[in-house]
PDB file of N, CA and C in Angstrom:
ATOM      1  N   MET A   1       4.822   8.790   4.032  1.00  0.00           N
ATOM      2  CA  MET A   1       5.969   8.156   4.663  1.00  0.00           C
ATOM      3  C   MET A   1       5.537   6.816   5.273  1.00  0.00           C
ATOM      4  N   THR A   2       6.420   5.863   5.184  1.00  0.00           N
ATOM      5  CA  THR A   2       6.142   4.565   5.787  1.00  0.00           C
ATOM      6  C   THR A   2       6.847   4.459   7.138  1.00  0.00           C
ATOM      7  N   SER A   3       6.516   3.433   7.873  1.00  0.00           N
ATOM      8  CA  SER A   3       7.128   3.213   9.176  1.00  0.00           C
ATOM      9  C   SER A   3       7.430   1.731   9.336  1.00  0.00           C
ATOM     10  N   GLY A   4       8.681   1.405   9.663  1.00  0.00           N
ATOM     11  CA  GLY A   4       9.037   0.030   9.959  1.00  0.00           C
ATOM     12  C   GLY A   4       9.298  -0.853   8.756  1.00  0.00           C
ATOM     13  N   THR A   5       9.478  -0.265   7.572  1.00  0.00           N
ATOM     14  CA  THR A   5       9.738  -1.056   6.366  1.00  0.00           C
ATOM     15  C   THR A   5      10.934  -0.510   5.610  1.00  0.00           C
ATOM     16  N   CYS A   6      11.419  -1.292   4.665  1.00  0.00           N
ATOM     17  CA  CYS A   6      12.531  -0.852   3.810  1.00  0.00           C
ATOM     18  C   CYS A   6      12.090   0.254   2.860  1.00  0.00           C
ATOM     19  N   SER A   7      10.854   0.196   2.389  1.00  0.00           N
ATOM     20  CA  SER A   7      10.352   1.279   1.540  1.00  0.00           C
ATOM     21  C   SER A   7      10.155   2.512   2.419  1.00  0.00           C
ATOM     22  N   LYS A   8      10.370   3.659   1.840  1.00  0.00           N
ATOM     23  CA  LYS A   8      10.318   4.908   2.602  1.00  0.00           C
ATOM     24  C   LYS A   8       9.077   5.742   2.318  1.00  0.00           C
ATOM     25  N   VAL A   9       8.567   5.662   1.084  1.00  0.00           N
ATOM     26  CA  VAL A   9       7.436   6.501   0.667  1.00  0.00           C
ATOM     27  C   VAL A   9       6.520   5.668  -0.218  1.00  0.00           C
ATOM     28  N   ILE A  10       5.216   5.903  -0.076  1.00  0.00           N
ATOM     29  CA  ILE A  10       4.236   5.305  -0.970  1.00  0.00           C
ATOM     30  C   ILE A  10       3.503   6.444  -1.656  1.00  0.00           C
ATOM     31  N   ASN A  11       3.538   6.445  -2.989  1.00  0.00           N
ATOM     32  CA  ASN A  11       2.756   7.400  -3.778  1.00  0.00           C
ATOM     33  C   ASN A  11       1.467   6.699  -4.168  1.00  0.00           C
ATOM     34  N   LEU A  12       0.333   7.303  -3.812  1.00  0.00           N
ATOM     35  CA  LEU A  12      -0.955   6.638  -3.971  1.00  0.00           C
ATOM     36  C   LEU A  12      -1.985   7.589  -4.548  1.00  0.00           C
ATOM     37  N   LYS A  13      -2.682   7.122  -5.580  1.00  0.00           N
ATOM     38  CA  LYS A  13      -3.807   7.868  -6.154  1.00  0.00           C
ATOM     39  C   LYS A  13      -5.005   6.942  -6.204  1.00  0.00           C
ATOM     40  N   VAL A  14      -6.131   7.440  -5.692  1.00  0.00           N
ATOM     41  CA  VAL A  14      -7.378   6.686  -5.681  1.00  0.00           C
ATOM     42  C   VAL A  14      -8.394   7.474  -6.495  1.00  0.00           C
ATOM     43  N   ASP A  15      -9.129   6.794  -7.382  1.00  0.00           N
ATOM     44  CA  ASP A  15     -10.115   7.494  -8.208  1.00  0.00           C
ATOM     45  C   ASP A  15     -11.395   7.761  -7.424  1.00  0.00           C
ATOM     46  N   ASP A  16     -12.334   8.420  -8.066  1.00  0.00           N
ATOM     47  CA  ASP A  16     -13.589   8.809  -7.404  1.00  0.00           C
ATOM     48  C   ASP A  16     -14.449   7.617  -7.010  1.00  0.00           C
ATOM     49  N   ASP A  17     -14.194   6.462  -7.612  1.00  0.00           N
ATOM     50  CA  ASP A  17     -14.950   5.251  -7.279  1.00  0.00           C
ATOM     51  C   ASP A  17     -14.294   4.440  -6.165  1.00  0.00           C
ATOM     52  N   GLY A  18     -13.178   4.961  -5.603  1.00  0.00           N
ATOM     53  CA  GLY A  18     -12.499   4.264  -4.520  1.00  0.00           C
ATOM     54  C   GLY A  18     -11.576   3.156  -4.983  1.00  0.00           C
ATOM     55  N   ARG A  19     -11.141   3.233  -6.237  1.00  0.00           N
ATOM     56  CA  ARG A  19     -10.229   2.229  -6.787  1.00  0.00           C
ATOM     57  C   ARG A  19      -8.828   2.810  -6.909  1.00  0.00           C
ATOM     58  N   ILE A  20      -7.825   1.945  -6.734  1.00  0.00           N
ATOM     59  CA  ILE A  20      -6.436   2.378  -6.848  1.00  0.00           C
ATOM     60  C   ILE A  20      -6.177   2.755  -8.305  1.00  0.00           C
ATOM     61  N   ALA A  21      -5.897   4.031  -8.543  1.00  0.00           N
ATOM     62  CA  ALA A  21      -5.594   4.501  -9.895  1.00  0.00           C
ATOM     63  C   ALA A  21      -4.103   4.348 -10.187  1.00  0.00           C
ATOM     64  N   ASP A  22      -3.282   4.591  -9.180  1.00  0.00           N
ATOM     65  CA  ASP A  22      -1.839   4.479  -9.348  1.00  0.00           C
ATOM     66  C   ASP A  22      -1.203   4.321  -7.976  1.00  0.00           C
ATOM     67  N   VAL A  23      -0.166   3.513  -7.901  1.00  0.00           N
ATOM     68  CA  VAL A  23       0.573   3.332  -6.656  1.00  0.00           C
ATOM     69  C   VAL A  23       2.014   2.995  -6.994  1.00  0.00           C
ATOM     70  N   SER A  24       2.934   3.579  -6.237  1.00  0.00           N
ATOM     71  CA  SER A  24       4.353   3.254  -6.381  1.00  0.00           C
ATOM     72  C   SER A  24       5.026   3.405  -5.029  1.00  0.00           C
ATOM     73  N   PHE A  25       6.083   2.649  -4.849  1.00  0.00           N
ATOM     74  CA  PHE A  25       6.862   2.678  -3.616  1.00  0.00           C
ATOM     75  C   PHE A  25       8.247   3.211  -3.933  1.00  0.00           C
ATOM     76  N   ILE A  26       8.817   3.955  -2.998  1.00  0.00           N
ATOM     77  CA  ILE A  26      10.206   4.395  -3.100  1.00  0.00           C
ATOM     78  C   ILE A  26      10.990   3.630  -2.051  1.00  0.00           C
ATOM     79  N   GLY A  27      12.023   2.914  -2.499  1.00  0.00           N
ATOM     80  CA  GLY A  27      12.785   2.052  -1.613  1.00  0.00           C
ATOM     81  C   GLY A  27      12.139   0.683  -1.549  1.00  0.00           C
ATOM     82  N   GLY A  28      12.761  -0.196  -0.811  1.00  0.00           N
ATOM     83  CA  GLY A  28      12.210  -1.528  -0.637  1.00  0.00           C
ATOM     84  C   GLY A  28      12.629  -2.492  -1.730  1.00  0.00           C
ATOM     85  N   CYS A  29      12.018  -3.644  -1.760  1.00  0.00           N
ATOM     86  CA  CYS A  29      12.340  -4.718  -2.705  1.00  0.00           C
ATOM     87  C   CYS A  29      11.629  -4.439  -4.028  1.00  0.00           C
ATOM     88  N   HIS A  30      12.374  -3.916  -4.984  1.00  0.00           N
ATOM     89  CA  HIS A  30      11.801  -3.383  -6.213  1.00  0.00           C
ATOM     90  C   HIS A  30      10.878  -4.367  -6.930  1.00  0.00           C
ATOM     91  N   GLY A  31      11.328  -5.581  -7.139  1.00  0.00           N
ATOM     92  CA  GLY A  31      10.514  -6.553  -7.871  1.00  0.00           C
ATOM     93  C   GLY A  31       9.226  -6.893  -7.149  1.00  0.00           C
ATOM     94  N   ASN A  32       9.309  -7.156  -5.859  1.00  0.00           N
ATOM     95  CA  ASN A  32       8.109  -7.474  -5.079  1.00  0.00           C
ATOM     96  C   ASN A  32       7.128  -6.308  -5.066  1.00  0.00           C
ATOM     97  N   LEU A  33       7.659  -5.108  -4.921  1.00  0.00           N
ATOM     98  CA  LEU A  33       6.776  -3.947  -4.855  1.00  0.00           C
ATOM     99  C   LEU A  33       6.151  -3.636  -6.204  1.00  0.00           C
ATOM    100  N   GLN A  34       6.864  -3.889  -7.297  1.00  0.00           N
ATOM    101  CA  GLN A  34       6.256  -3.743  -8.621  1.00  0.00           C
ATOM    102  C   GLN A  34       5.090  -4.723  -8.752  1.00  0.00           C
ATOM    103  N   GLY A  35       5.282  -5.926  -8.250  1.00  0.00           N
ATOM    104  CA  GLY A  35       4.219  -6.927  -8.291  1.00  0.00           C
ATOM    105  C   GLY A  35       3.002  -6.487  -7.495  1.00  0.00           C
ATOM    106  N   ILE A  36       3.216  -5.988  -6.284  1.00  0.00           N
ATOM    107  CA  ILE A  36       2.102  -5.504  -5.464  1.00  0.00           C
ATOM    108  C   ILE A  36       1.369  -4.390  -6.194  1.00  0.00           C
ATOM    109  N   CYS A  37       2.111  -3.438  -6.740  1.00  0.00           N
ATOM    110  CA  CYS A  37       1.500  -2.304  -7.440  1.00  0.00           C
ATOM    111  C   CYS A  37       0.652  -2.784  -8.615  1.00  0.00           C
ATOM    112  N   SER A  38       1.182  -3.715  -9.371  1.00  0.00           N
ATOM    113  CA  SER A  38       0.457  -4.245 -10.519  1.00  0.00           C
ATOM    114  C   SER A  38      -0.820  -4.963 -10.089  1.00  0.00           C
ATOM    115  N   LEU A  39      -0.742  -5.720  -9.011  1.00  0.00           N
ATOM    116  CA  LEU A  39      -1.899  -6.481  -8.546  1.00  0.00           C
ATOM    117  C   LEU A  39      -3.008  -5.596  -7.986  1.00  0.00           C
ATOM    118  N   VAL A  40      -2.656  -4.530  -7.270  1.00  0.00           N
ATOM    119  CA  VAL A  40      -3.697  -3.718  -6.624  1.00  0.00           C
ATOM    120  C   VAL A  40      -4.261  -2.630  -7.531  1.00  0.00           C
ATOM    121  N   LYS A  41      -3.567  -2.310  -8.623  1.00  0.00           N
ATOM    122  CA  LYS A  41      -4.069  -1.268  -9.514  1.00  0.00           C
ATOM    123  C   LYS A  41      -5.430  -1.670 -10.070  1.00  0.00           C
ATOM    124  N   GLY A  42      -6.409  -0.792  -9.916  1.00  0.00           N
ATOM    125  CA  GLY A  42      -7.778  -1.061 -10.341  1.00  0.00           C
ATOM    126  C   GLY A  42      -8.635  -1.703  -9.266  1.00  0.00           C
ATOM    127  N   MET A  43      -8.027  -2.153  -8.183  1.00  0.00           N
ATOM    128  CA  MET A  43      -8.750  -2.805  -7.095  1.00  0.00           C
ATOM    129  C   MET A  43      -9.371  -1.744  -6.173  1.00  0.00           C
ATOM    130  N   HIS A  44     -10.543  -2.029  -5.635  1.00  0.00           N
ATOM    131  CA  HIS A  44     -11.179  -1.123  -4.685  1.00  0.00           C
ATOM    132  C   HIS A  44     -10.379  -1.117  -3.387  1.00  0.00           C
ATOM    133  N   VAL A  45     -10.257   0.054  -2.772  1.00  0.00           N
ATOM    134  CA  VAL A  45      -9.446   0.187  -1.558  1.00  0.00           C
ATOM    135  C   VAL A  45      -9.920  -0.729  -0.437  1.00  0.00           C
ATOM    136  N   ASP A  46     -11.208  -0.985  -0.343  1.00  0.00           N
ATOM    137  CA  ASP A  46     -11.708  -1.881   0.709  1.00  0.00           C
ATOM    138  C   ASP A  46     -11.187  -3.300   0.515  1.00  0.00           C
ATOM    139  N   GLU A  47     -11.098  -3.727  -0.739  1.00  0.00           N
ATOM    140  CA  GLU A  47     -10.572  -5.070  -1.039  1.00  0.00           C
ATOM    141  C   GLU A  47      -9.071  -5.132  -0.753  1.00  0.00           C
ATOM    142  N   VAL A  48      -8.353  -4.058  -1.085  1.00  0.00           N
ATOM    143  CA  VAL A  48      -6.919  -4.011  -0.801  1.00  0.00           C
ATOM    144  C   VAL A  48      -6.699  -4.146   0.705  1.00  0.00           C
ATOM    145  N   LYS A  49      -7.440  -3.361   1.485  1.00  0.00           N
ATOM    146  CA  LYS A  49      -7.294  -3.423   2.944  1.00  0.00           C
ATOM    147  C   LYS A  49      -7.661  -4.805   3.484  1.00  0.00           C
ATOM    148  N   LYS A  50      -8.709  -5.395   2.946  1.00  0.00           N
ATOM    149  CA  LYS A  50      -9.147  -6.721   3.392  1.00  0.00           C
ATOM    150  C   LYS A  50      -8.061  -7.771   3.159  1.00  0.00           C
ATOM    151  N   ARG A  51      -7.374  -7.670   2.020  1.00  0.00           N
ATOM    152  CA  ARG A  51      -6.379  -8.676   1.659  1.00  0.00           C
ATOM    153  C   ARG A  51      -5.003  -8.437   2.276  1.00  0.00           C
ATOM    154  N   LEU A  52      -4.621  -7.169   2.468  1.00  0.00           N
ATOM    155  CA  LEU A  52      -3.242  -6.861   2.832  1.00  0.00           C
ATOM    156  C   LEU A  52      -3.035  -6.379   4.264  1.00  0.00           C
ATOM    157  N   ASP A  53      -4.089  -5.976   4.938  1.00  0.00           N
ATOM    158  CA  ASP A  53      -3.959  -5.435   6.290  1.00  0.00           C
ATOM    159  C   ASP A  53      -3.375  -6.487   7.241  1.00  0.00           C
ATOM    160  N   GLY A  54      -2.368  -6.088   7.982  1.00  0.00           N
ATOM    161  CA  GLY A  54      -1.800  -6.947   9.017  1.00  0.00           C
ATOM    162  C   GLY A  54      -0.694  -7.877   8.554  1.00  0.00           C
ATOM    163  N   ILE A  55      -0.378  -7.882   7.261  1.00  0.00           N
ATOM    164  CA  ILE A  55       0.719  -8.732   6.788  1.00  0.00           C
ATOM    165  C   ILE A  55       2.019  -8.246   7.413  1.00  0.00           C
ATOM    166  N   ARG A  56       2.819  -9.189   7.878  1.00  0.00           N
ATOM    167  CA  ARG A  56       4.096  -8.861   8.511  1.00  0.00           C
ATOM    168  C   ARG A  56       5.248  -9.317   7.636  1.00  0.00           C
ATOM    169  N   CYS A  57       6.383  -8.672   7.780  1.00  0.00           N
ATOM    170  CA  CYS A  57       7.595  -9.006   7.041  1.00  0.00           C
ATOM    171  C   CYS A  57       8.637  -9.500   8.047  1.00  0.00           C
ATOM    172  N   GLY A  58       8.885 -10.793   8.038  1.00  0.00           N
ATOM    173  CA  GLY A  58       9.848 -11.363   8.974  1.00  0.00           C
ATOM    174  C   GLY A  58       9.454 -11.070  10.411  1.00  0.00           C
ATOM    175  N   ASN A  59      10.395 -10.521  11.174  1.00  0.00           N
ATOM    176  CA  ASN A  59      10.143 -10.194  12.577  1.00  0.00           C
ATOM    177  C   ASN A  59       9.506  -8.829  12.767  1.00  0.00           C
ATOM    178  N   LYS A  60       9.333  -8.091  11.682  1.00  0.00           N
ATOM    179  CA  LYS A  60       8.747  -6.751  11.773  1.00  0.00           C
ATOM    180  C   LYS A  60       7.261  -6.852  12.074  1.00  0.00           C
ATOM    181  N   LEU A  61       6.720  -5.839  12.693  1.00  0.00           N
ATOM    182  CA  LEU A  61       5.287  -5.809  13.017  1.00  0.00           C
ATOM    183  C   LEU A  61       4.449  -5.340  11.844  1.00  0.00           C
ATOM    184  N   THR A  62       5.090  -4.993  10.733  1.00  0.00           N
ATOM    185  CA  THR A  62       4.390  -4.476   9.563  1.00  0.00           C
ATOM    186  C   THR A  62       5.113  -4.971   8.315  1.00  0.00           C
ATOM    187  N   SER A  63       4.662  -4.516   7.160  1.00  0.00           N
ATOM    188  CA  SER A  63       5.262  -4.861   5.872  1.00  0.00           C
ATOM    189  C   SER A  63       4.887  -3.769   4.882  1.00  0.00           C
ATOM    190  N   CYS A  64       5.452  -3.838   3.693  1.00  0.00           N
ATOM    191  CA  CYS A  64       5.067  -2.864   2.665  1.00  0.00           C
ATOM    192  C   CYS A  64       3.577  -2.981   2.300  1.00  0.00           C
ATOM    193  N   PRO A  65       3.021  -4.200   2.145  1.00  0.00           N
ATOM    194  CA  PRO A  65       1.581  -4.288   1.897  1.00  0.00           C
ATOM    195  C   PRO A  65       0.754  -3.703   3.050  1.00  0.00           C
ATOM    196  N   ASP A  66       1.158  -3.955   4.281  1.00  0.00           N
ATOM    197  CA  ASP A  66       0.464  -3.404   5.441  1.00  0.00           C
ATOM    198  C   ASP A  66       0.571  -1.876   5.453  1.00  0.00           C
ATOM    199  N   GLN A  67       1.746  -1.357   5.097  1.00  0.00           N
ATOM    200  CA  GLN A  67       1.923   0.091   5.048  1.00  0.00           C
ATOM    201  C   GLN A  67       1.082   0.718   3.934  1.00  0.00           C
ATOM    202  N   LEU A  68       0.823  -0.014   2.861  1.00  0.00           N
ATOM    203  CA  LEU A  68      -0.095   0.470   1.829  1.00  0.00           C
ATOM    204  C   LEU A  68      -1.483   0.666   2.431  1.00  0.00           C
ATOM    205  N   CYS A  69      -1.899  -0.241   3.279  1.00  0.00           N
ATOM    206  CA  CYS A  69      -3.194  -0.096   3.970  1.00  0.00           C
ATOM    207  C   CYS A  69      -3.196   1.149   4.845  1.00  0.00           C
ATOM    208  N   ARG A  70      -2.093   1.426   5.536  1.00  0.00           N
ATOM    209  CA  ARG A  70      -1.996   2.628   6.365  1.00  0.00           C
ATOM    210  C   ARG A  70      -2.089   3.882   5.481  1.00  0.00           C
ATOM    211  N   ALA A  71      -1.468   3.845   4.301  1.00  0.00           N
ATOM    212  CA  ALA A  71      -1.525   4.983   3.377  1.00  0.00           C
ATOM    213  C   ALA A  71      -2.953   5.209   2.884  1.00  0.00           C
ATOM    214  N   ILE A  72      -3.680   4.126   2.611  1.00  0.00           N
ATOM    215  CA  ILE A  72      -5.082   4.242   2.201  1.00  0.00           C
ATOM    216  C   ILE A  72      -5.885   4.875   3.325  1.00  0.00           C
ATOM    217  N   GLU A  73      -5.677   4.430   4.553  1.00  0.00           N
ATOM    218  CA  GLU A  73      -6.404   4.984   5.684  1.00  0.00           C
ATOM    219  C   GLU A  73      -6.101   6.466   5.866  1.00  0.00           C
ATOM    220  N   GLN A  74      -4.847   6.865   5.702  1.00  0.00           N
ATOM    221  CA  GLN A  74      -4.502   8.279   5.805  1.00  0.00           C
ATOM    222  C   GLN A  74      -5.207   9.095   4.745  1.00  0.00           C
ATOM    223  N   LEU A  75      -5.259   8.568   3.528  1.00  0.00           N
ATOM    224  CA  LEU A  75      -5.940   9.258   2.444  1.00  0.00           C
ATOM    225  C   LEU A  75      -7.438   9.375   2.727  1.00  0.00           C
ATOM    226  N   GLU A  76      -8.039   8.317   3.248  1.00  0.00           N
ATOM    227  CA  GLU A  76      -9.458   8.341   3.591  1.00  0.00           C
ATOM    228  C   GLU A  76      -9.740   9.359   4.691  1.00  0.00           C
ATOM    229  N   ASN A  77      -8.849   9.475   5.659  1.00  0.00           N
ATOM    230  CA  ASN A  77      -9.042  10.415   6.761  1.00  0.00           C
ATOM    231  C   ASN A  77      -8.889  11.865   6.343  1.00  0.00           C
ATOM    232  N   GLN A  78      -8.209  12.101   5.222  1.00  0.00           N
ATOM    233  CA  GLN A  78      -8.037  13.467   4.708  1.00  0.00           C
ATOM    234  C   GLN A  78      -9.289  13.952   3.976  1.00  0.00           C
ATOM    235  N   GLN A  79     -10.140  13.027   3.586  1.00  0.00           N
ATOM    236  CA  GLN A  79     -11.326  13.406   2.793  1.00  0.00           C
ATOM    237  C   GLN A  79     -12.479  13.778   3.670  1.00  0.00           C
TER     238      GLN A  79
END
């Protein structure tokens, strides 16, 4: 689940090497989110966090890219 964004859910799969195997968003700006998904697929999670952490959307304190970083952190904490 996301917080503070138009997208509501992020589906995320990370491979054993720590690379984004698959990612999709439910809700939000479809074209922009397809672009984000395409760009981060195959990227190492550390690089994704380095590039996207803290990005804001307008007056919001977060964004869909920032929420992707939160989803990665949640996945890392489960392991």
